[in-house]
Amino acid sequence: MDATDQRIVLVTGASRGIGAESAAQFGAAGAHVVVNFREKRKRAQHVVDGIVAAGGSASVLGADVSDPAAVEAMVEEVGRLFGRLDTLVLNASGGLERDADPGYALRLNRDAQVNLATALLPLMPEGGRIVFVTSHQAHFIHDNDNVPPGYTPIARSKRAGEDALRALIPEFRERGVGFTVVSGDMIDGTIIVRLLERRDPGSVESRRAAGPLPTVDDFAGVIVRAGTEAVADGHTYFVGGDDYLAAGALTR
């Protein structure tokens, strides 16, 4: 089957972790998956090769999503290759990197997400879907202070990104494109958890004490649901963290 006969899905930051597993699961569900990466082409190609070996369809497309010129080139390439984009998964995020400057988290987790969504929107047909991937620490930051100190700038910037994207829902709706959010507790096996275990091990221990952490497979499965099933605009899928959900319900 030609890729243009399939659902075209672009997953940002898909060379490893949640992005890679989401790409694999979209591929297994029959979509053609565009695996976005910033620097690690070989690793992204490995994700594509795995999807193809399993009988799926995928391709790589490199772009630093925080670079508007790179995003513009990526949009042009998606348009040239496929003519449309059915699902955009905004998975790429950051801010805990050792060499990150103070403004990087906000540029990546808010500004880049808005730029990506608005730049790719003209390629999205009616029935398309934009999915924003976040964490409970970010989604519920207004409702509680259960955020590891080192993660607070990232949590605030990701919440700012979610708020900015939600403000665009009327624009998305005009094109018939839905918007959903997937929010998860700390996800076992991700780079974020490994970084926090080094910088603030107590924060990870406290989350484990609250209950089993969701796995990458669990979280990716919900992202695939968020990118395909019919739900109301702005719907949030929650993965794990029952204590967050209970605390959030009490303050809403």
C-alpha atoms as a PDB file:
ATOM      1  CA  MET A   1       0.000   0.000   0.000  1.00  0.00           C
ATOM      2  CA  ASP A   2       1.292   3.455  -0.893  1.00  0.00           C
ATOM      3  CA  ALA A   3       1.988   5.683   2.126  1.00  0.00           C
ATOM      4  CA  THR A   4      -0.480   8.280   0.850  1.00  0.00           C
ATOM      5  CA  ASP A   5      -3.286   5.702   1.232  1.00  0.00           C
ATOM      6  CA  GLN A   6      -2.502   5.421   4.950  1.00  0.00           C
ATOM      7  CA  ARG A   7      -2.933   7.725   7.902  1.00  0.00           C
ATOM      8  CA  ILE A   8       0.159   9.948   7.958  1.00  0.00           C
ATOM      9  CA  VAL A   9       1.455  10.467  11.500  1.00  0.00           C
ATOM     10  CA  LEU A  10       4.368  12.694  12.504  1.00  0.00           C
ATOM     11  CA  VAL A  11       5.858  12.057  15.949  1.00  0.00           C
ATOM     12  CA  THR A  12       8.379  14.639  17.154  1.00  0.00           C
ATOM     13  CA  GLY A  13      11.318  13.534  19.266  1.00  0.00           C
ATOM     14  CA  ALA A  14      10.744   9.952  18.146  1.00  0.00           C
ATOM     15  CA  SER A  15      14.269   8.541  18.089  1.00  0.00           C
ATOM     16  CA  ARG A  16      13.970   7.070  21.582  1.00  0.00           C
ATOM     17  CA  GLY A  17      11.735   6.551  24.602  1.00  0.00           C
ATOM     18  CA  ILE A  18       8.068   7.465  24.466  1.00  0.00           C
ATOM     19  CA  GLY A  19       8.341   8.930  20.976  1.00  0.00           C
ATOM     20  CA  ALA A  20       9.966   5.809  19.554  1.00  0.00           C
ATOM     21  CA  GLU A  21       7.441   3.482  21.173  1.00  0.00           C
ATOM     22  CA  SER A  22       4.538   5.679  20.036  1.00  0.00           C
ATOM     23  CA  ALA A  23       5.902   5.569  16.493  1.00  0.00           C
ATOM     24  CA  ALA A  24       6.148   1.777  16.678  1.00  0.00           C
ATOM     25  CA  GLN A  25       2.582   1.438  17.926  1.00  0.00           C
ATOM     26  CA  PHE A  26       1.201   3.815  15.286  1.00  0.00           C
ATOM     27  CA  GLY A  27       3.058   1.754  12.686  1.00  0.00           C
ATOM     28  CA  ALA A  28       1.596  -1.464  14.059  1.00  0.00           C
ATOM     29  CA  ALA A  29      -1.861   0.117  13.783  1.00  0.00           C
ATOM     30  CA  GLY A  30      -1.361   0.661  10.043  1.00  0.00           C
ATOM     31  CA  ALA A  31      -0.235   4.295   9.839  1.00  0.00           C
ATOM     32  CA  HIS A  32       2.749   5.596   7.922  1.00  0.00           C
ATOM     33  CA  VAL A  33       4.897   7.124  10.650  1.00  0.00           C
ATOM     34  CA  VAL A  34       7.279  10.026  10.108  1.00  0.00           C
ATOM     35  CA  VAL A  35       9.942   9.665  12.795  1.00  0.00           C
ATOM     36  CA  ASN A  36      11.294  13.096  13.675  1.00  0.00           C
ATOM     37  CA  PHE A  37      14.724  13.482  15.270  1.00  0.00           C
ATOM     38  CA  ARG A  38      17.004  16.383  16.125  1.00  0.00           C
ATOM     39  CA  GLU A  39      20.521  14.911  15.949  1.00  0.00           C
ATOM     40  CA  LYS A  40      20.461  11.115  16.228  1.00  0.00           C
ATOM     41  CA  ARG A  41      19.671  10.039  12.655  1.00  0.00           C
ATOM     42  CA  LYS A  42      21.094   6.550  13.164  1.00  0.00           C
ATOM     43  CA  ARG A  43      18.895   6.006  16.202  1.00  0.00           C
ATOM     44  CA  ALA A  44      15.823   7.329  14.361  1.00  0.00           C
ATOM     45  CA  GLN A  45      16.590   5.074  11.408  1.00  0.00           C
ATOM     46  CA  HIS A  46      16.714   2.143  13.829  1.00  0.00           C
ATOM     47  CA  VAL A  47      13.155   3.017  14.919  1.00  0.00           C
ATOM     48  CA  VAL A  48      12.045   3.120  11.277  1.00  0.00           C
ATOM     49  CA  ASP A  49      13.783  -0.167  10.505  1.00  0.00           C
ATOM     50  CA  GLY A  50      11.967  -1.798  13.429  1.00  0.00           C
ATOM     51  CA  ILE A  51       8.593  -0.572  12.188  1.00  0.00           C
ATOM     52  CA  VAL A  52       9.290  -1.798   8.661  1.00  0.00           C
ATOM     53  CA  ALA A  53      10.597  -5.168   9.899  1.00  0.00           C
ATOM     54  CA  ALA A  54       7.319  -5.612  11.792  1.00  0.00           C
ATOM     55  CA  GLY A  55       5.365  -5.069   8.570  1.00  0.00           C
ATOM     56  CA  GLY A  56       4.699  -1.357   8.976  1.00  0.00           C
ATOM     57  CA  SER A  57       5.582   1.772   7.039  1.00  0.00           C
ATOM     58  CA  ALA A  58       7.787   4.631   8.258  1.00  0.00           C
ATOM     59  CA  SER A  59      10.385   7.212   7.288  1.00  0.00           C
ATOM     60  CA  VAL A  60      12.807   9.559   9.044  1.00  0.00           C
ATOM     61  CA  LEU A  61      12.719  13.352   8.955  1.00  0.00           C
ATOM     62  CA  GLY A  62      15.279  15.374  10.870  1.00  0.00           C
ATOM     63  CA  ALA A  63      14.529  18.824  12.290  1.00  0.00           C
ATOM     64  CA  ASP A  64      15.294  20.731  15.471  1.00  0.00           C
ATOM     65  CA  VAL A  65      11.736  21.699  16.368  1.00  0.00           C
ATOM     66  CA  SER A  66      12.967  24.767  18.266  1.00  0.00           C
ATOM     67  CA  ASP A  67      14.483  26.145  15.023  1.00  0.00           C
ATOM     68  CA  PRO A  68      11.793  27.885  12.915  1.00  0.00           C
ATOM     69  CA  ALA A  69      13.822  27.485   9.709  1.00  0.00           C
ATOM     70  CA  ALA A  70      14.183  23.748  10.316  1.00  0.00           C
ATOM     71  CA  VAL A  71      10.450  23.476  11.003  1.00  0.00           C
ATOM     72  CA  GLU A  72       9.667  25.321   7.777  1.00  0.00           C
ATOM     73  CA  ALA A  73      11.840  22.876   5.846  1.00  0.00           C
ATOM     74  CA  MET A  74      10.161  19.928   7.574  1.00  0.00           C
ATOM     75  CA  VAL A  75       6.694  21.226   6.708  1.00  0.00           C
ATOM     76  CA  GLU A  76       7.723  21.595   3.070  1.00  0.00           C
ATOM     77  CA  GLU A  77       9.083  18.045   3.022  1.00  0.00           C
ATOM     78  CA  VAL A  78       5.925  16.554   4.560  1.00  0.00           C
ATOM     79  CA  GLY A  79       3.865  18.417   1.977  1.00  0.00           C
ATOM     80  CA  ARG A  80       6.099  17.269  -0.871  1.00  0.00           C
ATOM     81  CA  LEU A  81       6.154  13.613   0.178  1.00  0.00           C
ATOM     82  CA  PHE A  82       2.586  13.101   1.369  1.00  0.00           C
ATOM     83  CA  GLY A  83       0.491  16.161   0.577  1.00  0.00           C
ATOM     84  CA  ARG A  84      -1.102  16.065   4.014  1.00  0.00           C
ATOM     85  CA  LEU A  85      -0.611  15.208   7.693  1.00  0.00           C
ATOM     86  CA  ASP A  86      -3.365  13.374   9.555  1.00  0.00           C
ATOM     87  CA  THR A  87      -1.914  13.231  13.080  1.00  0.00           C
ATOM     88  CA  LEU A  88       0.721  15.409  14.728  1.00  0.00           C
ATOM     89  CA  VAL A  89       2.127  14.133  18.020  1.00  0.00           C
ATOM     90  CA  LEU A  90       3.927  16.916  19.899  1.00  0.00           C
ATOM     91  CA  ASN A  91       6.201  14.695  21.954  1.00  0.00           C
ATOM     92  CA  ALA A  92       9.586  16.468  21.812  1.00  0.00           C
ATOM     93  CA  SER A  93      10.401  18.386  24.988  1.00  0.00           C
ATOM     94  CA  GLY A  94      13.367  19.264  27.155  1.00  0.00           C
ATOM     95  CA  GLY A  95      15.038  21.682  29.500  1.00  0.00           C
ATOM     96  CA  LEU A  96      16.989  19.408  31.855  1.00  0.00           C
ATOM     97  CA  GLU A  97      19.987  19.235  29.535  1.00  0.00           C
ATOM     98  CA  ARG A  98      23.237  20.287  31.208  1.00  0.00           C
ATOM     99  CA  ASP A  99      24.030  22.955  28.611  1.00  0.00           C
ATOM    100  CA  ALA A 100      20.477  24.355  28.312  1.00  0.00           C
ATOM    101  CA  ASP A 101      20.241  28.120  28.744  1.00  0.00           C
ATOM    102  CA  PRO A 102      17.572  29.564  31.093  1.00  0.00           C
ATOM    103  CA  GLY A 103      15.144  30.339  28.276  1.00  0.00           C
ATOM    104  CA  TYR A 104      15.470  27.057  26.428  1.00  0.00           C
ATOM    105  CA  ALA A 105      12.669  25.197  28.220  1.00  0.00           C
ATOM    106  CA  LEU A 106      10.101  27.865  27.342  1.00  0.00           C
ATOM    107  CA  ARG A 107      11.314  28.129  23.735  1.00  0.00           C
ATOM    108  CA  LEU A 108      11.029  24.387  23.253  1.00  0.00           C
ATOM    109  CA  ASN A 109       8.049  23.449  25.402  1.00  0.00           C
ATOM    110  CA  ARG A 110       5.822  26.401  24.512  1.00  0.00           C
ATOM    111  CA  ASP A 111       7.029  28.434  21.546  1.00  0.00           C
ATOM    112  CA  ALA A 112       8.174  25.502  19.406  1.00  0.00           C
ATOM    113  CA  GLN A 113       4.960  23.562  20.061  1.00  0.00           C
ATOM    114  CA  VAL A 114       2.797  26.480  18.949  1.00  0.00           C
ATOM    115  CA  ASN A 115       4.975  27.084  15.887  1.00  0.00           C
ATOM    116  CA  LEU A 116       4.832  23.400  14.899  1.00  0.00           C
ATOM    117  CA  ALA A 117       1.077  23.170  15.264  1.00  0.00           C
ATOM    118  CA  THR A 118       0.369  26.355  13.314  1.00  0.00           C
ATOM    119  CA  ALA A 119       2.955  25.586  10.615  1.00  0.00           C
ATOM    120  CA  LEU A 120       1.605  22.074   9.982  1.00  0.00           C
ATOM    121  CA  LEU A 121      -2.083  22.941  10.340  1.00  0.00           C
ATOM    122  CA  PRO A 122      -2.501  23.885   6.637  1.00  0.00           C
ATOM    123  CA  LEU A 123      -1.494  20.314   5.726  1.00  0.00           C
ATOM    124  CA  MET A 124      -4.037  18.740   8.065  1.00  0.00           C
ATOM    125  CA  PRO A 125      -7.371  17.640   6.577  1.00  0.00           C
ATOM    126  CA  GLU A 126     -10.724  17.545   8.315  1.00  0.00           C
ATOM    127  CA  GLY A 127     -10.619  14.759  10.874  1.00  0.00           C
ATOM    128  CA  GLY A 128      -6.948  15.373  11.653  1.00  0.00           C
ATOM    129  CA  ARG A 129      -5.672  15.370  15.216  1.00  0.00           C
ATOM    130  CA  ILE A 130      -2.994  17.212  17.195  1.00  0.00           C
ATOM    131  CA  VAL A 131      -1.787  15.475  20.367  1.00  0.00           C
ATOM    132  CA  PHE A 132       0.231  17.271  23.036  1.00  0.00           C
ATOM    133  CA  VAL A 133       2.248  15.029  25.361  1.00  0.00           C
ATOM    134  CA  THR A 134       2.845  16.275  28.898  1.00  0.00           C
ATOM    135  CA  SER A 135       3.301  15.188  32.499  1.00  0.00           C
ATOM    136  CA  HIS A 136       1.106  15.366  35.578  1.00  0.00           C
ATOM    137  CA  GLN A 137       3.783  17.544  37.199  1.00  0.00           C
ATOM    138  CA  ALA A 138       3.180  20.084  34.421  1.00  0.00           C
ATOM    139  CA  HIS A 139      -0.551  19.616  33.812  1.00  0.00           C
ATOM    140  CA  PHE A 140      -1.445  19.939  37.501  1.00  0.00           C
ATOM    141  CA  ILE A 141       1.181  22.528  38.463  1.00  0.00           C
ATOM    142  CA  HIS A 142      -1.506  25.108  39.270  1.00  0.00           C
ATOM    143  CA  ASP A 143      -3.270  22.674  41.604  1.00  0.00           C
ATOM    144  CA  ASN A 144      -0.417  21.343  43.758  1.00  0.00           C
ATOM    145  CA  ASP A 145       3.245  21.809  44.573  1.00  0.00           C
ATOM    146  CA  ASN A 146       4.286  18.169  44.121  1.00  0.00           C
ATOM    147  CA  VAL A 147       6.963  19.064  41.568  1.00  0.00           C
ATOM    148  CA  PRO A 148      10.645  18.144  41.958  1.00  0.00           C
ATOM    149  CA  PRO A 149      12.584  21.427  42.393  1.00  0.00           C
ATOM    150  CA  GLY A 150      14.838  20.737  39.415  1.00  0.00           C
ATOM    151  CA  TYR A 151      11.853  20.015  37.213  1.00  0.00           C
ATOM    152  CA  THR A 152       9.832  23.142  38.041  1.00  0.00           C
ATOM    153  CA  PRO A 153      11.023  25.267  35.054  1.00  0.00           C
ATOM    154  CA  ILE A 154      10.210  22.422  32.690  1.00  0.00           C
ATOM    155  CA  ALA A 155       6.829  21.820  34.318  1.00  0.00           C
ATOM    156  CA  ARG A 156       5.908  25.498  34.093  1.00  0.00           C
ATOM    157  CA  SER A 157       7.045  25.750  30.466  1.00  0.00           C
ATOM    158  CA  LYS A 158       5.114  22.631  29.453  1.00  0.00           C
ATOM    159  CA  ARG A 159       1.997  23.954  31.183  1.00  0.00           C
ATOM    160  CA  ALA A 160       2.505  27.206  29.283  1.00  0.00           C
ATOM    161  CA  GLY A 161       2.745  25.177  26.082  1.00  0.00           C
ATOM    162  CA  GLU A 162      -0.478  23.324  26.847  1.00  0.00           C
ATOM    163  CA  ASP A 163      -2.289  26.584  27.658  1.00  0.00           C
ATOM    164  CA  ALA A 164      -1.049  28.223  24.446  1.00  0.00           C
ATOM    165  CA  LEU A 165      -2.179  25.261  22.348  1.00  0.00           C
ATOM    166  CA  ARG A 166      -5.577  25.143  24.032  1.00  0.00           C
ATOM    167  CA  ALA A 167      -6.002  28.800  23.105  1.00  0.00           C
ATOM    168  CA  LEU A 168      -5.666  27.712  19.469  1.00  0.00           C
ATOM    169  CA  ILE A 169      -8.529  25.193  19.640  1.00  0.00           C
ATOM    170  CA  PRO A 170     -10.944  27.560  17.820  1.00  0.00           C
ATOM    171  CA  GLU A 171      -8.418  27.848  14.975  1.00  0.00           C
ATOM    172  CA  PHE A 172      -7.948  24.067  14.878  1.00  0.00           C
ATOM    173  CA  ARG A 173     -11.713  23.565  14.932  1.00  0.00           C
ATOM    174  CA  GLU A 174     -12.200  25.834  11.911  1.00  0.00           C
ATOM    175  CA  ARG A 175     -10.208  23.288   9.909  1.00  0.00           C
ATOM    176  CA  GLY A 176     -11.946  20.312  11.493  1.00  0.00           C
ATOM    177  CA  VAL A 177      -8.782  19.304  13.357  1.00  0.00           C
ATOM    178  CA  GLY A 178      -9.104  17.970  16.899  1.00  0.00           C
ATOM    179  CA  PHE A 179      -6.764  18.642  19.810  1.00  0.00           C
ATOM    180  CA  THR A 180      -6.077  16.286  22.715  1.00  0.00           C
ATOM    181  CA  VAL A 181      -3.612  16.107  25.594  1.00  0.00           C
ATOM    182  CA  VAL A 182      -1.962  13.034  27.111  1.00  0.00           C
ATOM    183  CA  SER A 183      -0.683  13.596  30.644  1.00  0.00           C
ATOM    184  CA  GLY A 184       1.249  10.988  32.565  1.00  0.00           C
ATOM    185  CA  ASP A 185       2.874  10.360  35.901  1.00  0.00           C
ATOM    186  CA  MET A 186       6.634   9.785  35.803  1.00  0.00           C
ATOM    187  CA  ILE A 187       7.104   7.111  33.145  1.00  0.00           C
ATOM    188  CA  ASP A 188       9.400   4.265  34.082  1.00  0.00           C
ATOM    189  CA  GLY A 189      12.417   3.922  31.831  1.00  0.00           C
ATOM    190  CA  THR A 190      12.386   7.418  30.317  1.00  0.00           C
ATOM    191  CA  ILE A 191      15.339   9.777  30.164  1.00  0.00           C
ATOM    192  CA  ILE A 192      13.497  12.285  32.384  1.00  0.00           C
ATOM    193  CA  VAL A 193      13.179   9.743  35.197  1.00  0.00           C
ATOM    194  CA  ARG A 194      16.828   8.755  34.835  1.00  0.00           C
ATOM    195  CA  LEU A 195      17.917  12.400  35.002  1.00  0.00           C
ATOM    196  CA  LEU A 196      15.741  13.050  38.051  1.00  0.00           C
ATOM    197  CA  GLU A 197      17.078   9.926  39.762  1.00  0.00           C
ATOM    198  CA  ARG A 198      20.541  11.484  39.513  1.00  0.00           C
ATOM    199  CA  ARG A 199      19.557  15.038  40.437  1.00  0.00           C
ATOM    200  CA  ASP A 200      16.698  14.506  42.888  1.00  0.00           C
ATOM    201  CA  PRO A 201      16.332  10.796  43.726  1.00  0.00           C
ATOM    202  CA  GLY A 202      13.823  11.483  46.495  1.00  0.00           C
ATOM    203  CA  SER A 203      11.300  12.843  44.008  1.00  0.00           C
ATOM    204  CA  VAL A 204      11.351   9.614  42.023  1.00  0.00           C
ATOM    205  CA  GLU A 205      11.222   7.471  45.160  1.00  0.00           C
ATOM    206  CA  SER A 206       8.135   9.364  46.360  1.00  0.00           C
ATOM    207  CA  ARG A 207       6.353   8.739  43.071  1.00  0.00           C
ATOM    208  CA  ARG A 208       7.183   5.040  43.179  1.00  0.00           C
ATOM    209  CA  ALA A 209       5.853   4.935  46.745  1.00  0.00           C
ATOM    210  CA  ALA A 210       2.519   6.328  45.520  1.00  0.00           C
ATOM    211  CA  GLY A 211       2.073   3.344  43.194  1.00  0.00           C
ATOM    212  CA  PRO A 212       3.610   1.578  40.196  1.00  0.00           C
ATOM    213  CA  LEU A 213       4.823   4.001  37.550  1.00  0.00           C
ATOM    214  CA  PRO A 214       3.343   3.604  34.070  1.00  0.00           C
ATOM    215  CA  THR A 215       5.636   2.034  31.488  1.00  0.00           C
ATOM    216  CA  VAL A 216       6.667   3.509  28.168  1.00  0.00           C
ATOM    217  CA  ASP A 217       4.449   0.926  26.454  1.00  0.00           C
ATOM    218  CA  ASP A 218       1.453   1.967  28.573  1.00  0.00           C
ATOM    219  CA  PHE A 219       1.926   5.645  27.829  1.00  0.00           C
ATOM    220  CA  ALA A 220       2.535   5.161  24.109  1.00  0.00           C
ATOM    221  CA  GLY A 221      -0.646   3.117  23.822  1.00  0.00           C
ATOM    222  CA  VAL A 222      -2.673   6.025  25.166  1.00  0.00           C
ATOM    223  CA  ILE A 223      -0.943   8.439  22.768  1.00  0.00           C
ATOM    224  CA  VAL A 224      -2.056   6.249  19.865  1.00  0.00           C
ATOM    225  CA  ARG A 225      -5.620   6.298  21.213  1.00  0.00           C
ATOM    226  CA  ALA A 226      -5.447  10.080  21.568  1.00  0.00           C
ATOM    227  CA  GLY A 227      -4.355  10.373  17.952  1.00  0.00           C
ATOM    228  CA  THR A 228      -7.160   8.283  16.524  1.00  0.00           C
ATOM    229  CA  GLU A 229     -10.331   7.892  18.590  1.00  0.00           C
ATOM    230  CA  ALA A 230     -13.220  10.351  18.556  1.00  0.00           C
ATOM    231  CA  VAL A 231     -13.288  12.572  21.661  1.00  0.00           C
ATOM    232  CA  ALA A 232     -14.210  16.158  22.462  1.00  0.00           C
ATOM    233  CA  ASP A 233     -11.738  18.920  21.597  1.00  0.00           C
ATOM    234  CA  GLY A 234      -9.373  19.558  24.460  1.00  0.00           C
ATOM    235  CA  HIS A 235      -9.925  16.143  26.046  1.00  0.00           C
ATOM    236  CA  THR A 236      -7.136  15.066  28.414  1.00  0.00           C
ATOM    237  CA  TYR A 237      -6.098  11.443  28.784  1.00  0.00           C
ATOM    238  CA  PHE A 238      -4.502  10.648  32.149  1.00  0.00           C
ATOM    239  CA  VAL A 239      -2.002   7.826  32.607  1.00  0.00           C
ATOM    240  CA  GLY A 240      -1.170   6.750  36.167  1.00  0.00           C
ATOM    241  CA  GLY A 241      -0.858   8.974  39.232  1.00  0.00           C
ATOM    242  CA  ASP A 242      -4.181   8.425  40.970  1.00  0.00           C
ATOM    243  CA  ASP A 243      -3.114  10.788  43.757  1.00  0.00           C
ATOM    244  CA  TYR A 244      -2.635  13.606  41.238  1.00  0.00           C
ATOM    245  CA  LEU A 245      -6.060  12.970  39.779  1.00  0.00           C
ATOM    246  CA  ALA A 246      -7.715  12.989  43.203  1.00  0.00           C
ATOM    247  CA  ALA A 247      -5.960  16.208  44.241  1.00  0.00           C
ATOM    248  CA  GLY A 248      -6.817  17.842  40.922  1.00  0.00           C
ATOM    249  CA  ALA A 249     -10.485  16.908  41.251  1.00  0.00           C
ATOM    250  CA  LEU A 250     -10.651  18.537  44.688  1.00  0.00           C
ATOM    251  CA  THR A 251      -9.416  21.877  43.355  1.00  0.00           C
ATOM    252  CA  ARG A 252     -11.566  22.073  40.232  1.00  0.00           C
END
